[in-house]
Amino acid sequence: MRTNSSPAAQAEAGMLVLLDTVSARPAVKAAAAQAAAAALDRLRARLMELSEAGNIELEHLESSAAKRGHAPDLAAMNAVKDGINRDAAAASRAVVASIITAAQTVLDDGAGGEAAEWFGAHGFDLSEPAMPPPITATD
């Protein structure tokens, strides 16, 4: 199930498979599903906040440069982008950790084993993707 999707998307997909295939008490599965869903909702909200903040900062840089009759400072734009990407990656890592914790409760109640290993053994890649390339003058 290796794809180019984010670790959080992989964790979400893996959690759905785990809930469907691992035997555990329904109440445990329900609590784990709710915990994973809440974590994903928090991530979506945080990513929206980061996106909006990044757009505001980039628009400010572009506006300031336009007022001076210059092209935007690529180093400053990349610094904004990199900061937003770092914050987004941290938010994603927190959600993946929450989903792994929720999955662990299901495994502890059923088949046993380690959740992080279960995800990997079932083809779900929770590793960090590479950071995007810098913004260039041609972007």
Foldseek 3Di string as FASTA:
>chain_A
DDDPDALLVLLLVLLVVLLVPWDFDPVLNVVLNVQLVVLVVVLVVVLVVLVVVLVVQVVVQCVVQVVVVHGGDQVSNQVSLVVSVVVSVVSSVVSSVSSQVSSQSRLVRTVHDHSVVSSVVVPRDNDGDDRDDGDDPVD
